[in-house]
Amino acid sequence: MTWSHPRGYDPMAACSAIWKDKTGVTVEWDKRSLQDFESFPVEELAKAYDLIVIDHPHVGQITAENCLTPLDVPGRETEREALAKGSVGKSYPSYNWQGRQWAFPIDAASPVQAYRPDALARPLERWGEVLDLARQGKVLQSLRPPHSLMVFFTLAANLGHPCAVTGPGDLIDQATGERVFGMMRELFSLLDPACLSMDPIAVSEKMAEENSPYVCAPLIYGYVSYATDGFRQHRLAFSDMPMTGNAGLLGSALGGTGIAVSAFSKAKDAAVDFAYWVASGDVQRDPYAAAGGQPGHAEAWEDGTVNAATHGFYRDTRKTLEGAWVRPRHDGYMGFQQAASDRINLALQSGDTDTRLVSDLNELFRGSFR
């Protein structure tokens, strides 16, 4: 099971065809919408599928539910060392929980900057430039849950005050939280309110339209498909995120996906073999990227051919990925992620005080450890 977008499905289908020719083993893929992918119970998927594409924040919950097979099997240490060495930022260790490796990264992403190169001379470097452009009605920002929380996380960390990843204390100190939400509120006041219902795909689609007034999305999970010629009417370019503080390109909320094997699979050995193969540098750099995937292995991110085909997507966002921040992963986080995102969006619409919003986020975070 993977997610329903060319970036999520096409490379898995293409690589599986090669795998069948190579081994005789057939791997068939189903797909879910992005929203379902982010929220559907992994335990149910594990009971229905041998191979599952997951987000790293799920690992605490799904290991507590005993629905995945650890991939750190004996005898394959050299292969795992190569995968760890090829990690883009903290992608590989983000799937390590309680001393076991539960998935291998096959896709790497974090909030970066998307813009229309035909309409914006250069990417924005500072948050003040984002606000200036937003005042002209030229900025979109995905704020559909969970992306509003990802913006909160990213701004806090880039200011040099990352949110907590372990409990049972507060998510963020009151003063910093109020500052971050104040920044979000200021930006939101300059945006189309429809942003509250837009995920990164919706934002990218809108920006790529003919005569679109929108030329920049400052903190959006990068989608390499839109960087390629001919994918949509207008191509998007991607660059490092605009900075808010003085810490450099740090703190973007790590995303991407990993491939995991169900604990309920009746073909575990075959599924594990495929997971090792599809996550490897050679496959990620060649057939996976060529089929429209957004690889999770550094060999692909550094490859000249891969970058040429995407107008430098990987080269121009790599620093942001290397400085990305890993979200909490405990059993209880996924419920917090939804509730906190909803709470932020309610506050953006209702005019709640910054103090009340931050207090509620901290209460939700503490509660996620109970």
Protein backbone atom coordinates (compact mmCIF):
# COMPACT_ATOMS: atom_id res chain seq x y z
CA MET A 1 0.00 0.00 0.00
CA THR A 2 1.30 3.43 -0.95
CA TRP A 3 -0.22 6.88 -1.46
CA SER A 4 -2.13 8.15 -4.46
CA HIS A 5 0.13 10.55 -6.31
CA PRO A 6 2.51 9.92 -9.22
CA ARG A 7 5.40 10.49 -6.82
CA GLY A 8 4.06 7.83 -4.45
CA TYR A 9 2.74 5.18 -6.82
CA ASP A 10 4.57 5.31 -10.15
CA PRO A 11 8.09 4.50 -8.87
CA MET A 12 6.81 1.58 -6.82
CA ALA A 13 4.99 0.12 -9.81
CA ALA A 14 8.01 0.63 -12.09
CA CYS A 15 10.48 -0.89 -9.63
CA SER A 16 8.17 -3.82 -8.94
CA ALA A 17 8.11 -4.66 -12.65
CA ILE A 18 11.91 -4.76 -12.65
CA TRP A 19 11.88 -6.87 -9.48
CA LYS A 20 9.59 -9.40 -11.11
CA ASP A 21 11.94 -9.73 -14.09
CA LYS A 22 14.87 -10.03 -11.70
CA THR A 23 13.42 -12.50 -9.17
CA GLY A 24 10.12 -13.81 -10.50
CA VAL A 25 8.32 -12.32 -7.46
CA THR A 26 5.25 -10.19 -8.18
CA VAL A 27 4.62 -7.11 -6.04
CA GLU A 28 1.28 -5.38 -6.66
CA TRP A 29 0.52 -1.94 -5.24
CA ASP A 30 -2.70 -0.30 -4.10
CA LYS A 31 -2.91 3.38 -3.19
CA ARG A 32 -4.78 5.70 -0.83
CA SER A 33 -5.40 9.44 -0.94
CA LEU A 34 -2.82 11.63 0.76
CA GLN A 35 -5.26 12.44 3.56
CA ASP A 36 -6.01 8.75 4.16
CA PHE A 37 -2.33 7.95 3.96
CA GLU A 38 -1.57 10.41 6.76
CA SER A 39 -4.34 9.24 9.07
CA PHE A 40 -5.51 5.68 8.27
CA PRO A 41 -4.65 3.12 10.99
CA VAL A 42 -1.47 1.31 9.98
CA GLU A 43 -2.54 -1.77 11.92
CA GLU A 44 -5.45 -2.30 9.51
CA LEU A 45 -3.14 -1.88 6.52
CA ALA A 46 -0.64 -4.34 8.01
CA LYS A 47 -3.35 -6.98 8.22
CA ALA A 48 -4.15 -6.52 4.53
CA TYR A 49 -0.74 -5.90 2.89
CA ASP A 50 2.76 -7.36 2.98
CA LEU A 51 4.53 -4.06 2.22
CA ILE A 52 3.39 -0.69 3.55
CA VAL A 53 4.71 2.79 2.87
CA ILE A 54 4.63 4.73 6.16
CA ASP A 55 5.52 8.09 7.76
CA HIS A 56 8.17 8.00 10.48
CA PRO A 57 5.95 9.60 13.18
CA HIS A 58 3.87 6.41 13.13
CA VAL A 59 6.67 4.22 14.48
CA GLY A 60 5.84 4.54 18.17
CA GLN A 61 2.22 3.59 17.65
CA ILE A 62 2.73 0.80 15.14
CA THR A 63 5.51 -0.88 17.11
CA ALA A 64 3.31 -0.79 20.22
CA GLU A 65 0.65 -2.52 18.12
CA ASN A 66 3.22 -5.14 16.97
CA CYS A 67 2.19 -4.78 13.35
CA LEU A 68 5.62 -4.40 11.67
CA THR A 69 8.56 -6.73 11.13
CA PRO A 70 11.96 -5.24 12.11
CA LEU A 71 14.24 -4.87 9.10
CA ASP A 72 17.52 -5.15 11.00
CA VAL A 73 17.75 -8.87 10.26
CA PRO A 74 21.02 -10.72 10.94
CA GLY A 75 23.46 -11.12 8.08
CA ARG A 76 22.58 -7.91 6.22
CA GLU A 77 24.60 -5.45 8.27
CA THR A 78 26.66 -4.27 5.29
CA GLU A 79 23.53 -3.39 3.33
CA ARG A 80 22.09 -1.47 6.26
CA GLU A 81 25.34 0.42 6.76
CA ALA A 82 25.12 1.54 3.13
CA LEU A 83 21.52 2.65 3.61
CA ALA A 84 22.40 4.57 6.77
CA LYS A 85 25.36 6.23 5.05
CA GLY A 86 23.04 7.29 2.23
CA SER A 87 20.53 8.96 4.54
CA VAL A 88 19.34 12.40 3.43
CA GLY A 89 19.41 14.31 6.69
CA LYS A 90 17.90 12.18 9.44
CA SER A 91 15.65 10.14 7.14
CA TYR A 92 17.21 6.77 7.98
CA PRO A 93 17.38 7.14 11.78
CA SER A 94 13.85 8.55 11.85
CA TYR A 95 12.59 4.99 11.32
CA ASN A 96 14.70 3.61 14.17
CA TRP A 97 12.73 3.21 17.38
CA GLN A 98 13.67 1.50 20.63
CA GLY A 99 16.82 0.10 19.04
CA ARG A 100 15.18 -1.49 15.98
CA GLN A 101 14.92 -0.38 12.34
CA TRP A 102 11.25 -0.50 11.30
CA ALA A 103 11.44 0.96 7.78
CA PHE A 104 13.91 2.17 5.17
CA PRO A 105 13.56 5.65 3.63
CA ILE A 106 12.45 5.59 0.01
CA ASP A 107 11.32 9.23 -0.17
CA ALA A 108 12.79 12.30 1.52
CA ALA A 109 10.96 15.58 2.02
CA SER A 110 10.51 18.51 4.37
CA PRO A 111 8.98 21.98 4.04
CA VAL A 112 10.99 23.90 1.47
CA GLN A 113 10.14 26.82 -0.80
CA ALA A 114 8.22 26.41 -4.07
CA TYR A 115 8.00 29.25 -6.55
CA ARG A 116 7.23 30.11 -10.16
CA PRO A 117 10.58 30.79 -11.85
CA ASP A 118 8.82 32.56 -14.72
CA ALA A 119 7.27 35.06 -12.32
CA LEU A 120 9.70 35.39 -9.40
CA ALA A 121 13.28 36.34 -10.17
CA ARG A 122 14.77 34.48 -7.23
CA PRO A 123 13.64 32.49 -4.22
CA LEU A 124 12.97 34.38 -1.00
CA GLU A 125 15.63 34.29 1.70
CA ARG A 126 14.00 35.83 4.77
CA TRP A 127 10.56 35.69 6.38
CA GLY A 128 10.10 39.43 5.93
CA GLU A 129 10.24 38.92 2.16
CA VAL A 130 7.48 36.33 2.46
CA LEU A 131 5.23 38.84 4.19
CA ASP A 132 6.02 41.53 1.61
CA LEU A 133 5.06 39.20 -1.23
CA ALA A 134 1.94 38.02 0.62
CA ARG A 135 0.77 41.63 0.92
CA GLN A 136 0.73 41.64 -2.90
CA GLY A 137 -1.57 38.62 -2.95
CA LYS A 138 1.07 36.34 -4.45
CA VAL A 139 1.61 33.73 -1.71
CA LEU A 140 -0.09 30.42 -0.95
CA GLN A 141 0.63 28.21 2.05
CA SER A 142 -0.75 24.74 2.72
CA LEU A 143 -2.47 24.76 6.10
CA ARG A 144 -4.75 21.74 5.88
CA PRO A 145 -4.06 19.48 8.85
CA PRO A 146 -1.42 18.31 9.59
CA HIS A 147 0.43 20.97 7.60
CA SER A 148 -0.49 23.89 9.85
CA LEU A 149 1.30 22.09 12.69
CA MET A 150 4.28 21.44 10.40
CA VAL A 151 4.53 25.20 9.82
CA PHE A 152 4.42 25.78 13.58
CA PHE A 153 7.13 23.18 14.15
CA THR A 154 9.34 24.58 11.39
CA LEU A 155 9.10 28.21 12.46
CA ALA A 156 9.84 27.33 16.09
CA ALA A 157 12.89 25.26 15.22
CA ASN A 158 14.23 27.81 12.76
CA LEU A 159 13.99 30.45 15.45
CA GLY A 160 16.32 28.26 17.50
CA HIS A 161 13.65 26.91 19.87
CA PRO A 162 12.51 23.53 18.52
CA CYS A 163 9.44 21.93 20.02
CA ALA A 164 9.85 19.05 22.45
CA VAL A 165 9.92 15.51 21.07
CA THR A 166 9.67 13.68 24.39
CA GLY A 167 7.33 14.12 27.30
CA PRO A 168 5.64 14.41 29.53
CA GLY A 169 6.30 18.16 29.70
CA ASP A 170 5.23 21.05 27.48
CA LEU A 171 5.58 21.14 23.72
CA ILE A 172 7.04 24.64 23.73
CA ASP A 173 7.63 27.47 26.19
CA GLN A 174 4.83 30.02 26.30
CA ALA A 175 6.78 33.02 24.98
CA THR A 176 8.25 31.20 21.99
CA GLY A 177 4.94 29.55 21.18
CA GLU A 178 3.17 32.91 21.20
CA ARG A 179 5.84 34.38 18.94
CA VAL A 180 5.51 31.51 16.47
CA PHE A 181 1.74 31.64 16.37
CA GLY A 182 1.88 35.41 15.99
CA MET A 183 3.99 34.89 12.86
CA MET A 184 1.49 32.37 11.54
CA ARG A 185 -1.45 34.67 12.28
CA GLU A 186 0.23 37.58 10.50
CA LEU A 187 0.87 35.48 7.42
CA PHE A 188 -2.63 34.00 7.46
CA SER A 189 -4.16 37.46 7.53
CA LEU A 190 -2.57 38.04 4.12
CA LEU A 191 -3.62 34.71 2.56
CA ASP A 192 -6.72 33.35 0.89
CA PRO A 193 -8.60 31.57 3.72
CA ALA A 194 -8.90 28.59 1.35
CA CYS A 195 -5.34 27.77 2.40
CA LEU A 196 -6.84 26.12 5.48
CA SER A 197 -8.20 23.35 3.24
CA MET A 198 -5.18 23.02 0.94
CA ASP A 199 -2.50 20.34 1.20
CA PRO A 200 0.82 20.64 -0.68
CA ILE A 201 -0.62 18.98 -3.78
CA ALA A 202 -3.51 21.46 -3.94
CA VAL A 203 -1.14 24.41 -3.49
CA SER A 204 1.24 23.11 -6.16
CA GLU A 205 -1.63 22.54 -8.59
CA LYS A 206 -2.94 26.07 -8.05
CA MET A 207 0.47 27.66 -8.50
CA ALA A 208 1.11 25.73 -11.72
CA GLU A 209 -2.07 26.95 -13.42
CA GLU A 210 -2.07 29.33 -16.36
CA ASN A 211 -2.41 32.94 -15.14
CA SER A 212 -2.11 31.93 -11.50
CA PRO A 213 -1.58 34.99 -9.31
CA TYR A 214 0.41 32.88 -6.85
CA VAL A 215 4.16 32.75 -7.28
CA CYS A 216 5.48 31.39 -3.97
CA ALA A 217 4.69 28.86 -1.25
CA PRO A 218 7.26 29.52 1.48
CA LEU A 219 7.01 26.35 3.62
CA ILE A 220 5.63 23.46 1.64
CA TYR A 221 6.64 19.83 1.37
CA GLY A 222 8.49 19.65 -1.93
CA TYR A 223 6.94 17.61 -4.74
CA VAL A 224 9.52 16.82 -7.38
CA SER A 225 6.85 16.07 -10.00
CA TYR A 226 6.10 19.77 -10.34
CA ALA A 227 9.78 20.55 -10.99
CA THR A 228 9.86 18.49 -14.19
CA ASP A 229 9.08 19.81 -17.66
CA GLY A 230 5.60 18.98 -18.94
CA PHE A 231 4.10 17.65 -15.71
CA ARG A 232 1.79 20.66 -15.49
CA GLN A 233 1.19 23.73 -17.62
CA HIS A 234 3.80 25.69 -15.71
CA ARG A 235 6.84 24.30 -13.94
CA LEU A 236 7.60 25.09 -10.32
CA ALA A 237 11.09 25.60 -8.95
CA PHE A 238 12.15 24.62 -5.45
CA SER A 239 14.76 26.06 -3.12
CA ASP A 240 15.77 26.14 0.51
CA MET A 241 13.20 27.55 2.91
CA PRO A 242 13.21 31.25 3.84
CA MET A 243 14.81 31.76 7.25
CA THR A 244 13.19 33.35 10.27
CA GLY A 245 15.99 33.40 12.81
CA ASN A 246 19.78 33.40 12.75
CA ALA A 247 20.35 29.65 13.08
CA GLY A 248 20.65 29.02 9.35
CA LEU A 249 18.71 26.39 7.43
CA LEU A 250 17.67 24.37 10.47
CA GLY A 251 14.38 23.01 11.71
CA SER A 252 12.22 22.14 8.73
CA ALA A 253 9.84 19.37 9.87
CA LEU A 254 11.09 16.16 8.31
CA GLY A 255 8.61 14.23 6.18
CA GLY A 256 9.09 11.69 3.42
CA THR A 257 8.18 8.02 3.57
CA GLY A 258 9.70 4.64 4.35
CA ILE A 259 8.97 1.12 3.25
CA ALA A 260 7.97 -1.32 5.97
CA VAL A 261 7.05 -5.00 6.14
CA SER A 262 3.90 -6.25 7.87
CA ALA A 263 4.26 -8.52 10.87
CA PHE A 264 1.24 -10.41 9.55
CA SER A 265 2.76 -11.09 6.12
CA LYS A 266 2.91 -14.69 4.93
CA ALA A 267 5.81 -13.74 2.63
CA LYS A 268 8.05 -11.85 5.05
CA ASP A 269 11.37 -12.94 3.58
CA ALA A 270 10.36 -11.91 0.06
CA ALA A 271 8.96 -8.61 1.32
CA VAL A 272 12.14 -7.85 3.29
CA ASP A 273 14.25 -8.61 0.22
CA PHE A 274 12.23 -6.13 -1.84
CA ALA A 275 12.48 -3.46 0.87
CA TYR A 276 16.28 -3.69 0.96
CA TRP A 277 16.48 -3.59 -2.83
CA VAL A 278 14.11 -0.69 -3.54
CA ALA A 279 15.73 1.49 -0.84
CA SER A 280 19.27 0.90 -2.15
CA GLY A 281 21.30 3.66 -3.76
CA ASP A 282 21.49 2.09 -7.22
CA VAL A 283 17.73 1.61 -7.46
CA GLN A 284 16.86 4.98 -5.94
CA ARG A 285 19.24 6.80 -8.26
CA ASP A 286 18.11 5.05 -11.43
CA PRO A 287 14.69 3.40 -11.94
CA TYR A 288 13.03 4.91 -8.86
CA ALA A 289 13.94 8.49 -9.76
CA ALA A 290 13.35 7.93 -13.48
CA ALA A 291 9.77 6.83 -12.76
CA GLY A 292 8.96 10.10 -10.97
CA GLY A 293 9.89 9.15 -7.43
CA GLN A 294 11.46 11.55 -4.95
CA PRO A 295 14.26 9.34 -3.64
CA GLY A 296 15.24 8.94 -0.04
CA HIS A 297 18.86 7.99 -0.79
CA ALA A 298 21.68 10.54 -1.07
CA GLU A 299 23.13 8.88 -4.18
CA ALA A 300 20.08 10.08 -6.07
CA TRP A 301 20.13 13.55 -4.50
CA GLU A 302 23.74 14.00 -5.59
CA ASP A 303 23.36 12.55 -9.08
CA GLY A 304 23.85 14.97 -11.99
CA THR A 305 21.36 13.25 -14.27
CA VAL A 306 18.66 13.17 -11.58
CA ASN A 307 19.17 16.87 -10.87
CA ALA A 308 19.21 17.81 -14.55
CA ALA A 309 15.83 16.14 -15.08
CA THR A 310 14.33 18.16 -12.21
CA HIS A 311 16.04 21.53 -12.78
CA GLY A 312 18.13 21.09 -9.65
CA PHE A 313 15.30 20.18 -7.26
CA TYR A 314 17.55 18.05 -5.06
CA ARG A 315 20.63 20.24 -5.18
CA ASP A 316 18.63 23.39 -4.41
CA THR A 317 16.79 22.00 -1.36
CA ARG A 318 19.44 19.71 0.11
CA LYS A 319 20.63 22.08 2.85
CA THR A 320 17.10 22.36 4.21
CA LEU A 321 16.76 18.57 4.27
CA GLU A 322 20.10 18.13 5.99
CA GLY A 323 19.02 20.49 8.76
CA ALA A 324 15.51 19.05 9.12
CA TRP A 325 14.00 18.32 12.53
CA VAL A 326 12.49 14.94 13.43
CA ARG A 327 8.99 15.07 14.88
CA PRO A 328 7.90 13.24 18.04
CA ARG A 329 7.30 9.53 17.38
CA HIS A 330 5.83 8.18 20.63
CA ASP A 331 2.67 6.11 20.82
CA GLY A 332 0.09 8.88 21.15
CA TYR A 333 1.74 11.39 18.82
CA MET A 334 -0.50 10.75 15.82
CA GLY A 335 -3.61 11.69 17.78
CA PHE A 336 -1.83 14.80 19.03
CA GLN A 337 -0.80 15.76 15.49
CA GLN A 338 -4.42 15.81 14.31
CA ALA A 339 -5.79 17.54 17.38
CA ALA A 340 -3.04 20.18 17.46
CA SER A 341 -3.43 20.94 13.74
CA ASP A 342 -7.17 21.36 14.17
CA ARG A 343 -6.61 23.62 17.18
CA ILE A 344 -4.19 25.86 15.27
CA ASN A 345 -6.61 26.20 12.38
CA LEU A 346 -9.47 27.03 14.71
CA ALA A 347 -7.34 29.73 16.32
CA LEU A 348 -6.39 31.18 12.93
CA GLN A 349 -10.06 31.52 12.05
CA SER A 350 -11.56 32.49 15.40
CA GLY A 351 -9.23 35.12 16.73
CA ASP A 352 -8.26 33.16 19.85
CA THR A 353 -5.46 34.73 21.85
CA ASP A 354 -1.93 33.51 21.27
CA THR A 355 -1.71 32.68 24.98
CA ARG A 356 -4.74 30.42 24.91
CA LEU A 357 -3.62 28.63 21.76
CA VAL A 358 -0.17 27.80 23.14
CA SER A 359 -1.63 26.65 26.46
CA ASP A 360 -3.99 24.32 24.61
CA LEU A 361 -1.17 22.90 22.47
CA ASN A 362 0.88 22.20 25.58
CA GLU A 363 -2.07 20.51 27.26
CA LEU A 364 -2.68 18.35 24.19
CA PHE A 365 1.00 17.40 24.06
CA ARG A 366 1.15 16.41 27.71
CA GLY A 367 -2.01 14.40 27.26
CA SER A 368 -0.53 12.46 24.33
CA PHE A 369 1.80 10.63 26.77
CA ARG A 370 -0.95 9.35 29.04
